[in-house]
Amino acid sequence: MKFKSLQVRLLAIFVPLFVLGNVLLSVFLYFSFSKTLAFNAEQRLSAMGSDYVNQVESAMNSRILQLQLLADSAVFRSPDDRDQIISVMKDAFQVLATFDTVLFMWPDGNGVRHDGTTGQYTDREYFQNVMRTQKPYISEVLISRGTGKPSVIVVMPVMNGANLSGLLCGTYPLDNLTPIVRELR
């Protein structure tokens, strides 16, 4: 096909160059922006994950503080009166209303819950850990013996001077973390 007019000849040269330039520019912009968008999405997800971790950590630290205040009671430092221990735990259970179970364990592994039921806990990892370290501890997720629900056990050593007189525990159900997870969505 012969182009007779100069205008048509110039159009035949510049239109393909213009189209090719726009296609190359579009490809370049697509890849540049997709990298930027992916990077921004990663940063946002990372920030949301950090926020979630901070909220969960704050909730757990609050539970540790609650047990620490309760552990400072003389009834736990000298745990001789089982009925008094149950009475104090029952009151704390009702006032705190954050734990499914409040439990006191003696160093031999025998324990009593706020409702008066008893158990043996030497086989539990959280018992062994706190007996060894004598420091507060939050267990891995487990099925609570007291409630049958997926929970974490928040454990506070009870000290009488330099001696460990027992462990004070709260069973914190994972269901209580559901509002934090909903906020994240």
Foldseek 3Di string as FASTA:
>chain_A
DDDDDPVVVVCVVVVVVVVVVVVVVVVVVVVVVVVVVVVVVVVVVVVLVVVLVVVVVVVLVVVLVLVVVLLVDPCQQAVPDPVVVLVSQLVSCVVVVQFPWKKKAFLQQWIAINVGDIDGGPPPPLSVVCSVVVAWDKADFDQDPVPRATWIKTKHFRHNDPDTGIIIIGTGHCVVSVVSVVVSD
